[in-house]
N, C-alpha and C. Protein backbone atom coordinates (compact mmCIF):
# COMPACT_ATOMS: atom_id res chain seq x y z
N MET A 1 -82.38 68.29 -60.51
CA MET A 1 -82.51 67.05 -61.27
C MET A 1 -81.58 66.03 -60.63
N ASP A 2 -82.11 64.86 -60.36
CA ASP A 2 -81.28 63.82 -59.76
C ASP A 2 -80.39 63.18 -60.83
N GLY A 3 -79.41 62.44 -60.38
CA GLY A 3 -78.46 61.83 -61.30
C GLY A 3 -79.09 60.88 -62.29
N GLY A 4 -80.08 60.11 -61.86
CA GLY A 4 -80.76 59.18 -62.75
C GLY A 4 -81.52 59.90 -63.86
N LYS A 5 -82.19 60.99 -63.49
CA LYS A 5 -82.95 61.76 -64.48
C LYS A 5 -81.99 62.38 -65.50
N LEU A 6 -80.87 62.92 -65.02
CA LEU A 6 -79.88 63.50 -65.92
C LEU A 6 -79.32 62.43 -66.85
N ALA A 7 -79.02 61.25 -66.30
CA ALA A 7 -78.48 60.15 -67.12
C ALA A 7 -79.47 59.76 -68.21
N ARG A 8 -80.77 59.68 -67.87
CA ARG A 8 -81.78 59.34 -68.88
C ARG A 8 -81.83 60.40 -69.97
N ARG A 9 -81.73 61.66 -69.59
CA ARG A 9 -81.75 62.73 -70.58
C ARG A 9 -80.51 62.68 -71.48
N LEU A 10 -79.37 62.38 -70.88
CA LEU A 10 -78.16 62.27 -71.69
C LEU A 10 -78.24 61.09 -72.65
N LEU A 11 -78.87 60.00 -72.22
CA LEU A 11 -79.08 58.86 -73.13
C LEU A 11 -79.99 59.26 -74.30
N LEU A 12 -81.03 60.04 -74.03
CA LEU A 12 -81.89 60.54 -75.10
C LEU A 12 -81.09 61.42 -76.06
N LEU A 13 -80.23 62.26 -75.50
CA LEU A 13 -79.39 63.12 -76.32
C LEU A 13 -78.46 62.29 -77.20
N ARG A 14 -77.84 61.26 -76.62
CA ARG A 14 -76.95 60.38 -77.40
C ARG A 14 -77.71 59.67 -78.51
N SER A 15 -78.93 59.25 -78.21
CA SER A 15 -79.75 58.60 -79.22
C SER A 15 -80.04 59.57 -80.37
N TRP A 16 -80.37 60.81 -80.04
CA TRP A 16 -80.62 61.83 -81.06
C TRP A 16 -79.36 62.04 -81.90
N GLU A 17 -78.21 62.12 -81.24
CA GLU A 17 -76.94 62.29 -81.95
C GLU A 17 -76.71 61.15 -82.95
N ARG A 18 -76.92 59.91 -82.49
CA ARG A 18 -76.70 58.75 -83.37
C ARG A 18 -77.63 58.77 -84.59
N GLN A 19 -78.83 59.26 -84.41
CA GLN A 19 -79.80 59.29 -85.49
C GLN A 19 -79.56 60.42 -86.48
N HIS A 20 -79.00 61.54 -86.02
CA HIS A 20 -78.98 62.75 -86.84
C HIS A 20 -77.61 63.35 -87.14
N MET A 21 -76.67 63.24 -86.24
CA MET A 21 -75.42 63.98 -86.37
C MET A 21 -74.37 63.21 -87.16
N PRO A 22 -73.57 63.92 -87.96
CA PRO A 22 -72.53 63.26 -88.76
C PRO A 22 -71.39 62.74 -87.91
N MET A 23 -71.30 63.19 -86.68
CA MET A 23 -70.14 62.83 -85.87
C MET A 23 -70.43 61.69 -84.91
N ALA A 24 -71.63 61.16 -84.95
CA ALA A 24 -72.01 60.09 -84.03
C ALA A 24 -71.04 58.92 -84.13
N GLY A 25 -70.48 58.54 -83.01
CA GLY A 25 -69.61 57.38 -82.99
C GLY A 25 -68.16 57.65 -83.35
N SER A 26 -67.83 58.89 -83.70
CA SER A 26 -66.46 59.20 -84.08
C SER A 26 -65.99 60.46 -83.37
N ILE A 27 -65.06 60.30 -82.48
CA ILE A 27 -64.53 61.45 -81.75
C ILE A 27 -63.82 62.40 -82.72
N ILE A 28 -63.09 61.84 -83.67
CA ILE A 28 -62.38 62.68 -84.65
C ILE A 28 -63.37 63.49 -85.47
N ALA A 29 -64.41 62.85 -85.98
CA ALA A 29 -65.42 63.57 -86.76
C ALA A 29 -66.08 64.64 -85.90
N GLY A 30 -66.35 64.31 -84.65
CA GLY A 30 -66.95 65.29 -83.74
C GLY A 30 -66.06 66.51 -83.56
N ASP A 31 -64.78 66.28 -83.36
CA ASP A 31 -63.85 67.39 -83.20
C ASP A 31 -63.75 68.24 -84.47
N ILE A 32 -63.75 67.59 -85.61
CA ILE A 32 -63.68 68.31 -86.89
C ILE A 32 -64.93 69.15 -87.09
N VAL A 33 -66.09 68.57 -86.84
CA VAL A 33 -67.36 69.30 -86.99
C VAL A 33 -67.40 70.50 -86.05
N LEU A 34 -67.01 70.30 -84.79
CA LEU A 34 -67.04 71.40 -83.83
C LEU A 34 -66.06 72.50 -84.21
N LEU A 35 -64.89 72.13 -84.69
CA LEU A 35 -63.92 73.13 -85.13
C LEU A 35 -64.46 73.92 -86.32
N ALA A 36 -65.07 73.23 -87.25
CA ALA A 36 -65.66 73.91 -88.42
C ALA A 36 -66.78 74.86 -87.99
N LEU A 37 -67.64 74.41 -87.09
CA LEU A 37 -68.73 75.26 -86.62
C LEU A 37 -68.21 76.43 -85.81
N ALA A 38 -67.19 76.20 -85.00
CA ALA A 38 -66.63 77.28 -84.19
C ALA A 38 -65.98 78.36 -85.04
N ARG A 39 -65.40 77.97 -86.15
CA ARG A 39 -64.71 78.91 -87.03
C ARG A 39 -65.61 79.47 -88.12
N ASP A 40 -66.84 78.98 -88.22
CA ASP A 40 -67.69 79.34 -89.35
C ASP A 40 -68.42 80.66 -89.10
N ASP A 41 -67.63 81.70 -88.93
CA ASP A 41 -68.19 83.05 -88.76
C ASP A 41 -67.66 83.94 -89.88
N GLY A 42 -67.51 83.34 -91.04
CA GLY A 42 -66.94 84.06 -92.17
C GLY A 42 -65.44 83.83 -92.28
N ASP A 43 -64.85 83.20 -91.27
CA ASP A 43 -63.43 82.91 -91.27
C ASP A 43 -63.24 81.40 -91.27
N ALA A 44 -63.41 80.79 -92.43
CA ALA A 44 -63.31 79.34 -92.54
C ALA A 44 -61.91 78.88 -92.15
N ALA A 45 -61.85 77.66 -91.63
CA ALA A 45 -60.58 77.08 -91.22
C ALA A 45 -59.83 76.56 -92.43
N ARG A 46 -58.53 76.76 -92.42
CA ARG A 46 -57.70 76.14 -93.46
C ARG A 46 -57.58 74.66 -93.15
N VAL A 47 -57.40 73.85 -94.17
CA VAL A 47 -57.21 72.41 -93.95
C VAL A 47 -56.05 72.22 -92.97
N LYS A 48 -55.03 73.01 -93.12
CA LYS A 48 -53.86 72.95 -92.23
C LYS A 48 -54.25 73.17 -90.78
N ASP A 49 -55.25 74.05 -90.54
CA ASP A 49 -55.70 74.33 -89.16
C ASP A 49 -56.24 73.07 -88.49
N PHE A 50 -56.94 72.23 -89.26
CA PHE A 50 -57.46 70.99 -88.69
C PHE A 50 -56.31 70.08 -88.27
N HIS A 51 -55.29 69.99 -89.11
CA HIS A 51 -54.14 69.15 -88.78
C HIS A 51 -53.38 69.68 -87.57
N LEU A 52 -53.27 71.01 -87.46
CA LEU A 52 -52.52 71.60 -86.35
C LEU A 52 -53.31 71.62 -85.05
N SER A 53 -54.61 71.79 -85.14
CA SER A 53 -55.45 71.95 -83.95
C SER A 53 -55.86 70.63 -83.31
N LEU A 54 -55.99 69.62 -84.12
CA LEU A 54 -56.47 68.34 -83.62
C LEU A 54 -55.28 67.39 -83.41
N HIS A 55 -55.30 66.69 -82.34
CA HIS A 55 -54.17 65.84 -81.98
C HIS A 55 -54.38 64.39 -82.43
N TYR A 56 -54.63 64.27 -83.73
CA TYR A 56 -54.78 62.97 -84.37
C TYR A 56 -53.81 62.94 -85.54
N SER A 57 -53.61 61.78 -86.11
CA SER A 57 -52.69 61.69 -87.24
C SER A 57 -53.24 62.52 -88.41
N GLU A 58 -52.33 63.10 -89.15
CA GLU A 58 -52.71 63.91 -90.31
C GLU A 58 -53.49 63.08 -91.33
N ASP A 59 -53.08 61.83 -91.52
CA ASP A 59 -53.79 60.96 -92.47
C ASP A 59 -55.23 60.73 -92.04
N ARG A 60 -55.43 60.47 -90.75
CA ARG A 60 -56.79 60.20 -90.26
C ARG A 60 -57.66 61.45 -90.35
N VAL A 61 -57.11 62.61 -89.98
CA VAL A 61 -57.87 63.86 -90.09
C VAL A 61 -58.25 64.10 -91.55
N SER A 62 -57.32 63.91 -92.46
CA SER A 62 -57.60 64.10 -93.89
C SER A 62 -58.69 63.15 -94.37
N GLN A 63 -58.63 61.90 -93.94
CA GLN A 63 -59.63 60.90 -94.34
C GLN A 63 -61.03 61.30 -93.85
N VAL A 64 -61.13 61.69 -92.59
CA VAL A 64 -62.44 62.05 -92.03
C VAL A 64 -62.94 63.35 -92.65
N LEU A 65 -62.05 64.31 -92.89
CA LEU A 65 -62.45 65.54 -93.59
C LEU A 65 -63.06 65.22 -94.95
N LYS A 66 -62.39 64.36 -95.71
CA LYS A 66 -62.89 63.97 -97.04
C LYS A 66 -64.27 63.33 -96.93
N GLU A 67 -64.47 62.47 -95.92
CA GLU A 67 -65.77 61.82 -95.74
C GLU A 67 -66.86 62.85 -95.43
N LEU A 68 -66.56 63.79 -94.55
CA LEU A 68 -67.55 64.81 -94.16
C LEU A 68 -67.87 65.74 -95.34
N ILE A 69 -66.87 66.01 -96.16
CA ILE A 69 -67.09 66.84 -97.36
C ILE A 69 -67.91 66.05 -98.38
N ARG A 70 -67.54 64.81 -98.60
CA ARG A 70 -68.26 63.94 -99.55
C ARG A 70 -69.74 63.81 -99.18
N ASP A 71 -70.00 63.72 -97.87
CA ASP A 71 -71.37 63.52 -97.39
C ASP A 71 -72.15 64.83 -97.25
N GLY A 72 -71.51 65.96 -97.59
CA GLY A 72 -72.21 67.24 -97.59
C GLY A 72 -72.30 67.96 -96.26
N TRP A 73 -71.51 67.53 -95.28
CA TRP A 73 -71.53 68.19 -93.97
C TRP A 73 -70.59 69.39 -93.92
N LEU A 74 -69.52 69.30 -94.68
CA LEU A 74 -68.54 70.38 -94.77
C LEU A 74 -68.36 70.75 -96.23
N VAL A 75 -67.89 71.97 -96.45
CA VAL A 75 -67.62 72.46 -97.80
C VAL A 75 -66.16 72.89 -97.87
N MET A 76 -65.46 72.46 -98.93
CA MET A 76 -64.07 72.88 -99.12
C MET A 76 -64.02 73.82 -100.32
N GLU A 77 -63.30 74.92 -100.14
CA GLU A 77 -63.13 75.90 -101.21
C GLU A 77 -61.68 76.34 -101.27
N ARG A 78 -61.29 76.80 -102.43
CA ARG A 78 -59.95 77.39 -102.58
C ARG A 78 -60.00 78.81 -102.03
N ASP A 79 -58.92 79.20 -101.37
CA ASP A 79 -58.80 80.56 -100.85
C ASP A 79 -58.63 81.52 -102.03
N GLU A 80 -59.43 82.56 -102.07
CA GLU A 80 -59.35 83.52 -103.17
C GLU A 80 -58.01 84.26 -103.20
N ALA A 81 -57.46 84.53 -102.02
CA ALA A 81 -56.19 85.26 -101.95
C ALA A 81 -55.00 84.38 -102.32
N ASP A 82 -55.09 83.10 -101.98
CA ASP A 82 -54.00 82.17 -102.26
C ASP A 82 -54.62 80.86 -102.76
N ARG A 83 -54.68 80.69 -104.05
CA ARG A 83 -55.37 79.56 -104.67
C ARG A 83 -54.78 78.20 -104.27
N ARG A 84 -53.58 78.20 -103.72
CA ARG A 84 -52.98 76.94 -103.26
C ARG A 84 -53.62 76.46 -101.97
N MET A 85 -54.18 77.39 -101.21
CA MET A 85 -54.74 77.08 -99.89
C MET A 85 -56.21 76.67 -100.00
N ARG A 86 -56.56 75.64 -99.25
CA ARG A 86 -57.95 75.18 -99.20
C ARG A 86 -58.54 75.52 -97.83
N LYS A 87 -59.78 75.97 -97.85
CA LYS A 87 -60.49 76.30 -96.61
C LYS A 87 -61.72 75.44 -96.49
N VAL A 88 -62.08 75.13 -95.25
CA VAL A 88 -63.23 74.27 -94.97
C VAL A 88 -64.17 75.00 -94.04
N HIS A 89 -65.47 74.91 -94.35
CA HIS A 89 -66.47 75.48 -93.44
C HIS A 89 -67.68 74.57 -93.40
N ALA A 90 -68.51 74.79 -92.38
CA ALA A 90 -69.71 73.99 -92.21
C ALA A 90 -70.68 74.28 -93.35
N SER A 91 -71.34 73.25 -93.85
CA SER A 91 -72.36 73.43 -94.89
C SER A 91 -73.61 74.03 -94.23
N ASP A 92 -74.48 74.59 -95.05
CA ASP A 92 -75.75 75.10 -94.53
C ASP A 92 -76.52 73.99 -93.84
N ARG A 93 -76.43 72.80 -94.41
CA ARG A 93 -77.10 71.62 -93.84
C ARG A 93 -76.61 71.35 -92.41
N LEU A 94 -75.30 71.43 -92.20
CA LEU A 94 -74.74 71.19 -90.87
C LEU A 94 -75.13 72.30 -89.91
N VAL A 95 -75.10 73.53 -90.36
CA VAL A 95 -75.47 74.66 -89.49
C VAL A 95 -76.92 74.51 -89.02
N LEU A 96 -77.82 74.16 -89.94
CA LEU A 96 -79.23 73.96 -89.57
C LEU A 96 -79.39 72.80 -88.59
N LEU A 97 -78.71 71.70 -88.86
CA LEU A 97 -78.80 70.54 -87.99
C LEU A 97 -78.24 70.86 -86.60
N PHE A 98 -77.15 71.60 -86.57
CA PHE A 98 -76.56 71.94 -85.27
C PHE A 98 -77.50 72.85 -84.47
N GLY A 99 -78.26 73.70 -85.16
CA GLY A 99 -79.28 74.51 -84.48
C GLY A 99 -80.33 73.63 -83.83
N GLU A 100 -80.77 72.59 -84.56
CA GLU A 100 -81.73 71.63 -84.00
C GLU A 100 -81.12 70.91 -82.80
N TYR A 101 -79.87 70.51 -82.92
CA TYR A 101 -79.17 69.83 -81.83
C TYR A 101 -79.11 70.72 -80.60
N GLN A 102 -78.78 71.98 -80.81
CA GLN A 102 -78.69 72.93 -79.70
C GLN A 102 -80.04 73.07 -79.00
N ARG A 103 -81.12 73.19 -79.78
CA ARG A 103 -82.45 73.29 -79.17
C ARG A 103 -82.79 72.03 -78.39
N PHE A 104 -82.47 70.85 -78.94
CA PHE A 104 -82.74 69.59 -78.26
C PHE A 104 -81.92 69.50 -76.97
N LEU A 105 -80.66 69.89 -77.04
CA LEU A 105 -79.79 69.87 -75.86
C LEU A 105 -80.35 70.78 -74.77
N PHE A 106 -80.73 71.99 -75.13
CA PHE A 106 -81.27 72.93 -74.14
C PHE A 106 -82.56 72.40 -73.53
N GLU A 107 -83.39 71.77 -74.36
CA GLU A 107 -84.64 71.19 -73.86
C GLU A 107 -84.34 70.08 -72.86
N MET A 108 -83.37 69.23 -73.18
CA MET A 108 -83.03 68.11 -72.31
C MET A 108 -82.47 68.57 -70.96
N LEU A 109 -81.75 69.67 -70.97
CA LEU A 109 -81.05 70.11 -69.75
C LEU A 109 -81.64 71.39 -69.15
N SER A 110 -82.80 71.79 -69.57
CA SER A 110 -83.34 73.10 -69.19
C SER A 110 -83.63 73.27 -67.72
N ASP A 111 -83.86 72.21 -66.98
CA ASP A 111 -84.16 72.40 -65.56
C ASP A 111 -82.98 72.10 -64.64
N VAL A 112 -81.78 72.03 -65.20
CA VAL A 112 -80.59 71.92 -64.36
C VAL A 112 -80.34 73.30 -63.79
N ASP A 113 -80.36 73.44 -62.49
CA ASP A 113 -80.16 74.77 -61.91
C ASP A 113 -79.14 74.73 -60.79
N ARG A 114 -78.94 75.86 -60.18
CA ARG A 114 -77.92 76.04 -59.15
C ARG A 114 -78.11 75.08 -57.98
N GLN A 115 -79.36 74.77 -57.63
CA GLN A 115 -79.60 73.89 -56.49
C GLN A 115 -79.05 72.49 -56.74
N GLN A 116 -79.15 72.00 -57.96
CA GLN A 116 -78.63 70.67 -58.26
C GLN A 116 -77.13 70.70 -58.58
N ALA A 117 -76.64 71.84 -59.04
CA ALA A 117 -75.22 71.99 -59.39
C ALA A 117 -74.67 73.18 -58.63
N PRO A 118 -74.22 72.98 -57.39
CA PRO A 118 -73.82 74.09 -56.52
C PRO A 118 -72.74 75.01 -57.10
N ASN A 119 -71.89 74.53 -57.98
CA ASN A 119 -70.83 75.37 -58.52
C ASN A 119 -71.23 76.09 -59.80
N ALA A 120 -72.45 75.87 -60.25
CA ALA A 120 -72.91 76.49 -61.49
C ALA A 120 -73.32 77.93 -61.23
N PRO A 121 -73.24 78.79 -62.25
CA PRO A 121 -73.71 80.16 -62.10
C PRO A 121 -75.22 80.17 -61.84
N ALA A 122 -75.72 81.28 -61.33
CA ALA A 122 -77.15 81.40 -61.06
C ALA A 122 -77.95 81.20 -62.34
N GLY A 123 -79.17 80.72 -62.22
CA GLY A 123 -80.04 80.52 -63.37
C GLY A 123 -79.96 79.09 -63.87
N ASN A 124 -80.72 78.82 -64.88
CA ASN A 124 -80.71 77.44 -65.40
C ASN A 124 -79.54 77.23 -66.35
N PHE A 125 -79.42 76.03 -66.85
CA PHE A 125 -78.29 75.66 -67.70
C PHE A 125 -78.20 76.52 -68.95
N VAL A 126 -79.35 76.78 -69.57
CA VAL A 126 -79.36 77.57 -70.79
C VAL A 126 -78.82 78.97 -70.51
N GLU A 127 -79.25 79.57 -69.42
CA GLU A 127 -78.75 80.90 -69.07
C GLU A 127 -77.27 80.86 -68.72
N ALA A 128 -76.85 79.77 -68.08
CA ALA A 128 -75.45 79.66 -67.64
C ALA A 128 -74.48 79.62 -68.82
N ILE A 129 -74.85 78.93 -69.91
CA ILE A 129 -73.92 78.84 -71.01
C ILE A 129 -74.14 79.94 -72.04
N GLY A 130 -75.25 80.63 -71.96
CA GLY A 130 -75.50 81.72 -72.87
C GLY A 130 -76.00 81.26 -74.21
N ASP A 131 -76.43 82.21 -75.00
CA ASP A 131 -76.94 81.92 -76.33
C ASP A 131 -76.31 82.90 -77.29
N ASP A 132 -75.07 82.60 -77.69
CA ASP A 132 -74.35 83.51 -78.57
C ASP A 132 -74.97 83.57 -79.89
């Protein structure tokens, strides 16, 4: 894939993000969403984890977390073991949307292969990054 074709595909991807994703236009929201999705394997992140993991002001992280929770992208619950602690995880809505995003991303980049990216592992982009 030539550079122009890749750029056009990335523009399509950005357009899809702006139309559908809660993190469009906000790097902080994007980082929060990705952290929630990365941790959402039954081990929800503590609110404190967002403050410690992300290199933004605590006030800004808290504000964006509240917005994402209010809008239904994230869910906050009290920890059963320690009721003082709050945990955050991706909502079912976000998990489903991220699955759609992943499929769209793979479709957009599916013919990127070793010949166009000499340092990439063998196979196409989808095979290179795996499907966990």
